[in-house]
Protein backbone atom coordinates (compact mmCIF):
# COMPACT_ATOMS: atom_id res chain seq x y z
CA MET A 1 65.33 41.96 46.40
CA ALA A 2 67.15 38.84 47.72
CA SER A 3 67.18 35.81 45.50
CA ARG A 4 65.97 32.48 46.40
CA LYS A 5 69.59 30.85 46.99
CA GLN A 6 70.35 33.78 49.66
CA ARG A 7 66.58 33.34 51.22
CA GLN A 8 67.89 29.52 51.42
CA ARG A 9 71.26 30.42 53.16
CA ARG A 10 69.11 33.12 55.77
CA GLU A 11 66.69 29.67 56.70
CA ARG A 12 69.57 27.13 57.00
CA PRO A 13 71.09 28.13 60.18
CA SER A 14 67.35 28.15 61.82
CA GLU A 15 67.37 24.48 60.71
CA ARG A 16 70.51 23.27 61.48
CA PRO A 17 70.35 23.45 65.29
CA SER A 18 66.98 21.34 65.21
CA ARG A 19 68.65 18.53 62.93
CA ARG A 20 71.50 18.46 65.03
CA ARG A 21 69.14 18.46 68.39
CA GLU A 22 67.30 15.52 66.52
CA LEU A 23 70.43 13.45 66.12
CA ALA A 24 71.80 13.97 69.09
CA ASP A 25 68.29 13.04 71.15
CA PRO A 26 68.75 10.09 72.98
CA VAL A 27 65.28 8.49 71.65
CA SER A 28 66.85 8.91 67.92
CA LEU A 29 70.34 7.24 68.89
CA VAL A 30 68.23 4.25 70.39
CA LEU A 31 65.61 4.32 67.02
CA ALA A 32 68.79 4.34 64.50
CA VAL A 33 70.24 1.59 66.16
CA ALA A 34 66.92 -0.41 65.90
CA ALA A 35 66.27 0.52 62.78
CA LEU A 36 69.97 -0.56 61.69
CA PHE A 37 69.22 -4.32 63.41
CA ALA A 38 65.93 -4.17 61.77
CA LEU A 39 68.11 -3.30 58.30
CA LEU A 40 70.78 -5.75 58.87
CA ALA A 41 67.86 -8.42 59.81
CA ALA A 42 65.98 -7.74 56.54
CA ALA A 43 69.66 -8.35 54.26
CA GLU A 44 70.43 -11.43 56.22
CA TYR A 45 66.58 -13.24 55.27
CA GLY A 46 67.06 -11.63 51.60
CA ARG A 47 70.42 -13.51 51.00
CA GLN A 48 68.47 -17.11 51.55
CA ALA A 49 66.25 -16.75 49.45
CA ASN A 50 66.43 -18.47 46.19
CA GLY A 51 63.97 -15.81 44.57
CA PHE A 52 60.76 -17.86 42.83
CA ASP A 53 59.72 -14.61 40.45
CA PHE A 54 63.13 -13.76 40.13
CA TYR A 55 63.92 -17.01 38.30
CA GLN A 56 61.37 -15.91 35.70
CA PHE A 57 62.93 -12.65 34.87
CA TRP A 58 66.03 -13.27 35.21
CA VAL A 59 65.92 -16.33 32.44
CA VAL A 60 64.40 -14.26 29.86
CA GLY A 61 66.96 -11.58 30.51
CA GLN A 62 69.37 -14.21 29.81
CA VAL A 63 67.67 -15.11 26.51
CA LEU A 64 67.74 -11.22 25.39
CA SER A 65 71.14 -10.79 26.50
CA THR A 66 72.47 -13.86 24.67
CA GLY A 67 70.29 -12.75 21.36
CA GLU A 68 68.77 -16.13 21.38
CA PRO A 69 65.28 -16.27 19.20
CA SER A 70 62.36 -16.77 20.81
CA ASP A 71 58.36 -15.89 21.25
CA PHE A 72 58.33 -15.13 24.56
CA TYR A 73 54.69 -14.53 24.70
CA ALA A 74 53.85 -17.72 23.21
CA ASP A 75 53.07 -20.68 24.66
CA SER A 76 56.82 -21.17 25.24
CA GLY A 77 56.86 -21.03 29.03
CA SER A 78 57.10 -24.84 29.72
CA ARG A 79 59.48 -25.01 26.73
CA LEU A 80 61.85 -22.06 28.43
CA SER A 81 61.47 -23.61 32.06
CA ALA A 82 62.68 -27.54 30.64
CA GLU A 83 65.44 -26.03 28.66
CA TYR A 84 66.83 -24.00 31.60
CA LEU A 85 66.34 -26.74 33.67
CA GLU A 86 68.25 -28.92 31.83
CA ARG A 87 70.93 -26.20 31.66
CA ALA A 88 70.94 -25.90 35.58
CA ARG A 89 71.45 -29.48 35.94
CA ARG A 90 74.37 -29.38 33.76
CA ALA A 91 76.38 -26.99 35.50
CA PRO A 92 75.08 -27.02 38.81
CA VAL A 93 77.35 -24.47 40.31
CA SER A 94 74.37 -22.34 41.74
CA PRO A 95 72.32 -24.98 44.55
CA ARG A 96 69.63 -21.99 44.44
CA ARG A 97 69.18 -22.09 40.65
CA LEU A 98 68.53 -25.44 40.59
CA SER A 99 66.37 -25.70 43.21
CA VAL A 100 64.16 -22.70 41.80
CA ALA A 101 64.46 -24.20 38.62
CA GLU A 102 62.90 -27.65 39.62
CA ASN A 103 60.10 -25.75 41.29
CA ARG A 104 58.91 -23.77 38.24
CA PRO A 105 57.69 -26.25 35.60
CA TYR A 106 55.90 -23.25 33.46
CA LEU A 107 57.14 -19.61 33.62
CA HIS A 108 54.08 -17.27 33.13
CA THR A 109 55.88 -15.00 30.91
CA THR A 110 53.32 -11.95 31.36
CA ALA A 111 55.67 -9.10 32.23
CA THR A 112 55.85 -6.33 29.75
CA PRO A 113 58.69 -5.88 27.39
CA PHE A 114 60.31 -3.02 28.85
CA LEU A 115 60.91 -4.96 32.36
CA TYR A 116 62.15 -7.79 30.71
CA SER A 117 64.39 -5.79 28.11
CA LEU A 118 65.70 -3.80 31.62
CA PHE A 119 67.07 -7.58 33.41
CA GLY A 120 68.35 -8.45 30.07
CA LEU A 121 70.65 -5.27 30.01
CA VAL A 122 72.00 -5.79 33.70
CA SER A 123 71.97 -9.35 33.88
CA SER A 124 75.47 -10.71 34.32
CA GLY A 125 74.61 -14.48 33.47
CA ARG A 126 75.88 -15.71 37.21
CA TYR A 127 72.58 -16.10 39.06
CA ASP A 128 73.77 -15.77 42.67
CA THR A 129 75.43 -12.89 41.84
CA ASP A 130 72.54 -11.38 39.97
CA LEU A 131 69.94 -12.07 42.88
CA GLU A 132 72.22 -10.76 45.39
CA ARG A 133 72.81 -7.26 43.01
CA PHE A 134 68.67 -7.39 42.87
CA GLN A 135 68.25 -8.11 46.51
CA ARG A 136 70.65 -5.38 47.48
CA LEU A 137 68.69 -3.00 45.19
CA GLY A 138 65.32 -3.89 46.68
CA LEU A 139 66.45 -2.84 49.68
CA ALA A 140 67.79 0.47 48.95
CA CYS A 141 64.92 0.85 47.01
CA VAL A 142 62.68 0.43 49.70
CA VAL A 143 65.04 2.80 52.32
CA GLY A 144 65.08 5.36 49.24
CA SER A 145 61.16 5.28 49.64
CA LEU A 146 60.75 5.71 53.35
CA VAL A 147 63.05 8.71 53.40
CA LEU A 148 61.19 10.68 50.31
CA LEU A 149 58.06 9.96 51.65
CA SER A 150 58.99 10.76 55.20
CA ARG A 151 60.06 14.02 53.31
CA VAL A 152 57.07 15.06 51.29
CA PHE A 153 54.70 13.90 54.78
CA GLY A 154 56.29 15.96 57.01
CA TYR A 155 57.75 13.11 59.30
CA THR A 156 60.74 14.09 61.57
CA LEU A 157 63.96 12.03 62.09
CA PRO A 158 62.83 9.67 65.22
CA VAL A 159 59.25 8.89 63.58
CA PHE A 160 61.57 8.23 60.14
CA LEU A 161 63.49 6.02 62.01
CA ALA A 162 61.03 4.12 64.00
CA VAL A 163 58.50 3.92 60.58
CA LEU A 164 62.08 2.62 58.72
CA ALA A 165 62.53 -0.15 61.99
CA LEU A 166 58.60 -1.37 61.56
CA VAL A 167 58.80 -1.81 57.93
CA CYS A 168 62.37 -3.23 57.41
CA GLN A 169 61.27 -5.43 60.80
CA TRP A 170 57.74 -6.46 60.89
CA PHE A 171 56.20 -5.24 57.44
CA LEU A 172 54.40 -8.77 56.03
CA PRO A 173 54.64 -7.71 52.08
CA LEU A 174 58.01 -6.70 52.32
CA TYR A 175 59.12 -10.14 53.79
CA THR A 176 57.35 -12.12 51.11
CA GLU A 177 58.81 -9.59 48.37
CA MET A 178 61.82 -10.63 49.38
CA ARG A 179 61.52 -14.62 49.54
CA VAL A 180 60.21 -14.45 45.89
CA VAL A 181 61.86 -11.46 45.10
CA ASN A 182 59.55 -9.67 42.48
CA VAL A 183 59.74 -5.98 41.45
CA ASN A 184 57.06 -4.04 43.85
CA ARG A 185 60.05 -2.72 45.74
CA LEU A 186 61.57 -0.84 42.41
CA GLN A 187 57.74 0.16 41.66
CA LEU A 188 57.50 2.05 44.88
CA ALA A 189 60.63 3.64 44.68
CA MET A 190 59.08 5.13 41.37
CA LEU A 191 55.86 6.42 43.11
CA ALA A 192 58.13 7.61 46.11
CA LEU A 193 60.31 9.64 43.61
CA LEU A 194 56.94 10.93 41.92
CA LEU A 195 56.01 12.19 44.79
CA TRP A 196 58.91 14.03 46.36
CA ASN A 197 58.96 15.45 42.45
CA GLN A 198 55.42 16.78 43.07
CA ALA A 199 56.39 18.26 46.46
CA ARG A 200 58.90 20.72 44.91
CA ARG A 201 58.36 24.09 43.84
CA PRO A 202 55.97 23.84 40.42
CA GLY A 203 57.50 24.48 37.03
CA ARG A 204 57.47 22.88 34.13
CA GLN A 205 60.71 20.80 34.47
CA ARG A 206 58.91 19.15 37.66
CA ASP A 207 56.17 18.41 35.81
CA LEU A 208 57.82 16.82 32.91
CA LEU A 209 60.36 14.91 35.42
CA GLY A 210 57.27 13.67 37.10
CA GLY A 211 55.36 12.77 34.05
CA PHE A 212 58.65 10.80 32.73
CA VAL A 213 58.72 8.72 35.75
CA LEU A 214 54.91 8.25 36.14
CA GLY A 215 55.27 6.76 32.16
CA LEU A 216 58.42 5.02 33.17
CA ALA A 217 56.60 2.99 36.06
CA VAL A 218 53.41 2.40 33.84
CA LEU A 219 55.48 0.50 31.23
CA PHE A 220 57.37 -0.87 33.68
CA LYS A 221 54.46 -3.19 35.25
CA PRO A 222 51.51 -1.51 34.50
CA ASN A 223 49.04 -2.57 37.57
CA VAL A 224 50.08 1.64 38.64
CA LEU A 225 47.67 2.64 35.51
CA PHE A 226 44.82 3.37 37.77
CA ALA A 227 47.25 5.66 40.23
CA ALA A 228 48.49 7.15 37.14
CA GLY A 229 44.23 7.51 36.03
CA LEU A 230 43.34 9.20 39.08
CA LEU A 231 46.52 11.34 39.13
CA GLY A 232 45.54 12.57 35.91
CA PHE A 233 41.82 13.33 36.95
CA SER A 234 42.94 15.14 39.77
CA TRP A 235 44.76 17.72 37.64
CA LEU A 236 41.92 17.75 35.01
CA ALA A 237 39.48 18.62 38.17
CA ASP A 238 41.24 21.40 39.36
CA ARG A 239 41.89 22.67 36.07
CA ARG A 240 45.42 22.12 36.40
CA PHE A 241 45.46 22.02 32.56
CA ARG A 242 49.00 23.18 32.37
CA THR A 243 50.07 20.40 34.94
CA LEU A 244 48.22 17.75 32.81
CA ARG A 245 50.10 19.09 29.71
CA ASP A 246 53.54 18.71 30.64
CA GLN A 247 52.96 15.45 32.76
CA CYS A 248 51.91 13.84 29.37
CA ALA A 249 54.53 15.44 27.58
CA GLY A 250 56.81 13.51 29.83
CA MET A 251 54.62 10.31 30.09
CA ALA A 252 55.44 10.06 25.68
CA ALA A 253 59.19 10.80 26.68
CA ALA A 254 59.43 7.73 28.90
CA ALA A 255 56.45 5.51 26.17
CA GLY A 256 59.78 6.31 23.23
CA VAL A 257 62.54 5.32 25.73
CA ALA A 258 60.23 2.11 26.50
CA LEU A 259 59.68 1.51 23.11
CA ALA A 260 63.38 2.46 21.94
CA VAL A 261 65.10 -0.26 24.59
CA SER A 262 62.52 -3.30 24.41
CA GLY A 263 62.73 -2.55 20.45
CA ALA A 264 66.29 -3.05 20.40
CA SER A 265 66.47 -5.80 22.84
CA PHE A 266 63.25 -8.04 21.28
CA GLY A 267 64.39 -6.83 17.54
CA SER A 268 60.76 -5.70 16.95
CA LEU A 269 58.03 -3.58 18.43
CA ARG A 270 55.37 -6.18 17.54
CA CYS A 271 56.86 -7.51 21.39
CA TRP A 272 53.95 -5.16 22.72
CA ILE A 273 51.30 -6.80 20.68
CA ASP A 274 52.17 -10.19 21.82
CA TRP A 275 52.60 -8.72 25.13
CA LEU A 276 49.07 -7.46 25.39
CA GLY A 277 47.98 -10.97 24.22
CA ALA A 278 49.36 -12.85 26.56
CA ALA A 279 47.96 -10.23 29.53
CA SER A 280 44.49 -10.67 28.13
CA THR A 281 44.70 -14.76 28.71
CA THR A 282 46.78 -14.28 32.52
CA HIS A 283 47.28 -17.19 34.74
CA GLY A 284 45.55 -15.15 37.32
CA HIS A 285 42.34 -16.52 36.85
CA HIS A 286 43.40 -20.09 38.00
CA ILE A 287 45.34 -19.43 41.18
CA SER A 288 42.84 -19.90 44.38
CA PRO A 289 43.58 -18.57 47.60
CA ASP A 290 44.42 -22.31 48.38
CA SER A 291 47.36 -20.95 46.39
CA GLY A 292 48.52 -17.67 48.00
CA ASN A 293 45.72 -15.13 46.12
CA VAL A 294 44.26 -12.90 48.68
CA GLY A 295 42.28 -11.37 45.75
CA LEU A 296 38.86 -10.88 46.78
CA THR A 297 36.85 -11.21 43.56
CA MET A 298 39.06 -14.82 42.80
CA LEU A 299 37.24 -15.65 45.87
CA ILE A 300 33.70 -14.54 44.59
CA ALA A 301 34.47 -16.49 41.74
CA ASP A 302 35.23 -19.98 43.36
CA TRP A 303 31.97 -19.26 45.72
CA THR A 304 29.59 -18.19 43.02
CA GLY A 305 31.39 -18.51 39.76
CA VAL A 306 30.96 -14.76 38.76
CA ARG A 307 33.33 -12.71 37.48
CA SER A 308 33.22 -9.51 39.30
CA GLU A 309 36.70 -8.08 38.77
CA VAL A 310 35.80 -5.21 36.19
CA PRO A 311 32.67 -4.05 37.10
CA LEU A 312 34.18 -3.70 41.33
CA THR A 313 37.33 -1.96 39.89
CA LEU A 314 34.95 0.22 37.72
CA VAL A 315 32.85 0.85 40.91
CA LEU A 316 35.82 1.86 42.77
CA LEU A 317 37.06 4.06 40.35
CA ALA A 318 33.84 5.96 39.53
CA ILE A 319 34.35 6.13 43.62
CA GLY A 320 37.24 7.96 43.12
CA VAL A 321 36.62 10.09 40.51
CA GLY A 322 33.55 11.16 41.75
CA PHE A 323 35.53 12.33 45.11
CA LEU A 324 38.17 14.12 43.25
CA TRP A 325 35.20 16.12 41.22
CA ARG A 326 33.31 16.82 44.34
CA SER A 327 36.65 18.32 46.39
CA ARG A 328 37.68 20.21 43.34
CA THR A 329 37.15 24.04 44.61
CA ARG A 330 38.42 22.92 48.36
CA SER A 331 42.04 22.21 47.00
CA SER A 332 43.23 25.08 44.88
CA GLY A 333 46.82 26.23 46.32
CA PRO A 334 49.93 24.74 46.93
CA SER A 335 49.17 24.01 50.37
CA ARG A 336 46.79 21.12 48.99
CA GLU A 337 48.59 20.22 45.61
CA GLY A 338 50.97 17.79 47.17
CA PRO A 339 48.80 15.76 49.73
CA ARG A 340 46.28 15.93 47.17
CA GLU A 341 48.16 14.26 44.37
CA ALA A 342 50.11 12.04 47.31
CA ALA A 343 46.58 10.83 47.97
CA ALA A 344 45.08 10.25 44.56
CA LEU A 345 48.19 8.21 43.40
CA ALA A 346 47.72 6.01 47.08
CA ALA A 347 44.33 5.34 46.22
CA GLY A 348 44.97 4.29 42.47
CA CYS A 349 47.32 1.99 43.96
CA LEU A 350 44.56 0.53 46.47
CA VAL A 351 41.84 0.09 43.42
CA TYR A 352 44.26 -2.19 42.23
CA LEU A 353 44.63 -4.33 45.15
CA LEU A 354 40.91 -4.07 45.80
CA GLY A 355 39.58 -5.21 42.17
CA ALA A 356 42.29 -7.62 40.79
CA ARG A 357 41.44 -11.26 40.77
CA LEU A 358 45.37 -11.81 41.47
CA VAL A 359 46.59 -10.45 44.52
CA TRP A 360 49.72 -11.48 46.26
CA ILE A 361 50.42 -10.16 49.59
CA HIS A 362 53.65 -8.92 48.27
CA TYR A 363 51.73 -6.59 45.82
CA TYR A 364 50.71 -4.91 49.33
CA VAL A 365 54.17 -3.30 49.43
CA LEU A 366 52.41 -0.84 47.16
CA ALA A 367 49.98 0.13 50.14
CA LEU A 368 52.76 2.02 52.30
CA PRO A 369 52.05 5.26 50.45
CA ALA A 370 48.28 4.97 52.01
CA LEU A 371 49.49 3.82 55.04
CA LEU A 372 52.28 6.62 55.75
CA ILE A 373 49.91 9.07 54.37
CA ALA A 374 47.43 8.17 56.82
CA LEU A 375 49.74 7.90 59.89
CA ARG A 376 51.40 11.02 59.28
CA PRO A 377 52.38 13.17 62.11
CA GLY A 378 51.78 16.88 62.82
CA GLY A 379 49.84 19.45 60.74
CA ALA A 380 47.02 17.43 60.70
CA PRO A 381 43.50 18.83 61.97
CA ARG A 382 41.69 16.74 64.70
CA PRO A 383 39.54 14.50 63.05
CA PHE A 384 42.84 12.90 61.75
CA ARG A 385 43.62 11.04 64.94
CA TRP A 386 40.67 8.52 64.43
CA ARG A 387 41.92 8.26 60.63
CA GLN A 388 45.58 7.56 62.51
CA ALA A 389 43.78 4.44 64.66
CA LEU A 390 42.53 3.44 61.21
CA ALA A 391 45.42 3.35 59.28
CA LEU A 392 46.88 1.36 62.28
CA ALA A 393 44.16 -0.96 62.22
CA ALA A 394 44.66 -1.64 58.51
CA LEU A 395 48.10 -1.86 59.23
CA LEU A 396 47.96 -5.01 61.78
CA PRO A 397 46.62 -7.85 59.51
CA MET A 398 50.11 -6.96 57.41
CA SER A 399 52.44 -7.77 60.12
CA ARG A 400 54.34 -10.52 60.53
CA VAL A 401 53.77 -10.94 64.44
CA ALA A 402 49.80 -10.47 63.70
CA PRO A 403 48.06 -13.03 66.55
CA TRP A 404 45.25 -13.60 63.81
CA GLN A 405 47.52 -15.45 61.41
CA ALA A 406 48.24 -18.23 63.77
CA ALA A 407 44.80 -18.45 64.85
CA LEU A 408 42.80 -18.75 61.58
CA GLY A 409 45.36 -21.32 60.81
CA GLY A 410 44.36 -22.83 57.15
CA HIS A 411 41.08 -20.30 56.65
CA LEU A 412 43.08 -18.69 54.26
CA GLU A 413 39.44 -17.43 52.78
CA LEU A 414 38.95 -15.50 55.90
CA VAL A 415 42.52 -14.25 55.75
CA THR A 416 41.88 -12.77 52.21
CA CYS A 417 38.80 -11.17 53.63
CA ILE A 418 40.67 -9.31 56.08
CA PHE A 419 43.63 -8.15 53.52
CA TRP A 420 40.64 -6.90 51.54
CA ALA A 421 39.12 -5.14 54.52
CA SER A 422 42.46 -3.34 55.34
CA ALA A 423 42.52 -2.37 51.68
CA LEU A 424 39.01 -0.83 51.69
CA THR A 425 39.84 1.05 54.90
CA LEU A 426 43.13 2.60 53.90
CA TYR A 427 40.93 3.40 50.58
CA ALA A 428 38.38 5.19 52.51
CA LEU A 429 41.33 7.32 54.38
CA MET A 430 42.66 8.44 50.90
CA LEU A 431 39.25 9.59 49.96
CA ALA A 432 38.63 11.45 53.02
CA GLU A 433 42.17 12.62 52.33
CA LEU A 434 40.95 14.23 49.06
CA THR A 435 37.92 15.98 50.59
CA ALA A 436 39.80 17.53 53.81
CA GLY A 437 39.81 21.22 53.20
CA ASP A 438 42.66 23.32 53.82
CA THR A 439 43.31 24.57 57.42
CA PRO A 440 45.81 26.76 59.21
CA GLU A 441 48.10 23.57 60.17
CA ASP A 442 48.04 22.98 56.17
CA ALA A 443 49.48 26.56 55.24
CA ALA A 444 51.99 26.54 57.79
CA ALA A 445 53.46 22.73 56.75
CA PRO A 446 53.86 22.23 53.36
CA ALA A 447 54.09 18.88 52.41
CA ALA A 448 57.63 19.19 50.74
CA ARG A 449 58.83 20.40 54.11
CA PRO A 450 58.85 18.63 58.03
CA ALA A 451 56.01 19.45 60.40
CA PRO A 452 57.17 22.21 62.57
CA LYS A 453 58.05 21.54 66.42
């Protein structure tokens, strides 16, 4: 019997000519040039940013790296802001640091201890240097995520290059992310790595690694907790108990690493209790759409005085769980495990965007997996044509050149409703993905391989 390596060697010669033809195709060359220029434009845009959100992470990381005693999760945001503003004024070696320090009268220290600890570990103490490094890392995370997701969803080289050019040139959430410099690009990379890992050959090592990555993602920033929940329920509904067990073991290992790193940085694990107290009184309850908050539940609270984020989130989760349970008998077999897991994960990200009270536009970077799932080429049954059209319609409001942005002007409430409608459309498409049965095309084009020509 031929070994797995021998089978791979026999398969490679048939794959190489196809890849060479793709590389030599004039369309691929033109798209490669377009993608390169888009990457350069995005990198140049990132170099001009002051890092409004990054400054908060950097300040706390600085305090941790120098060992200064401080209770970040108490009401110390204004004290830290004033202290580091004075430091920036005494040593004005960085105009960008001084500019952002003067515009941040309060630091909202509500991120997890694990996130702050990582910033403390990699901080050099020079704001401009750290900011530029982080921007380069963020852009690399976007490119790497698109490479992995394109591989998982069967994108050919020309289509991948077109997606790369479009995302790096016209995807508004990415440019908003690069302007404020938050951590959504890092989260996207972790989710992409998880989906790529799950598309590999099933086995215990795969599931342990997947759980480890998922656990780190949740402890880094818990807005992906709903994604982890729906993904875990998909394994439970499909009676994949070994997968669930090994994934939980990987998550436990990730929790151990996160607790060890944060405990060493903060000097005590009590920081997690303090973080829970700070997170329960988050400042997002007071940020209106006029300030850029595109969360619909905040708009509902402004109009009616009713807090709807908890019931809306529970309803959306219940719908997702219902679809997972209803489709459990149709989704057995390796040809549907990868797409089903990807749709569950993407749907969980959308639950947060739909139900949270504080949603900035750059949070929609986490909608990219759902967009790439809905737009994936090849190996799809005929009804997916209208699903791709709906995905393009959902993508339009997230474009930097969308005509409605200029037409709406100051009608920020309508902008919020349009973004929410886009997220809801993508959520419905992910639910449709969960109920899509196996087809001959699915069997011929596994999730981890490019679609055949």
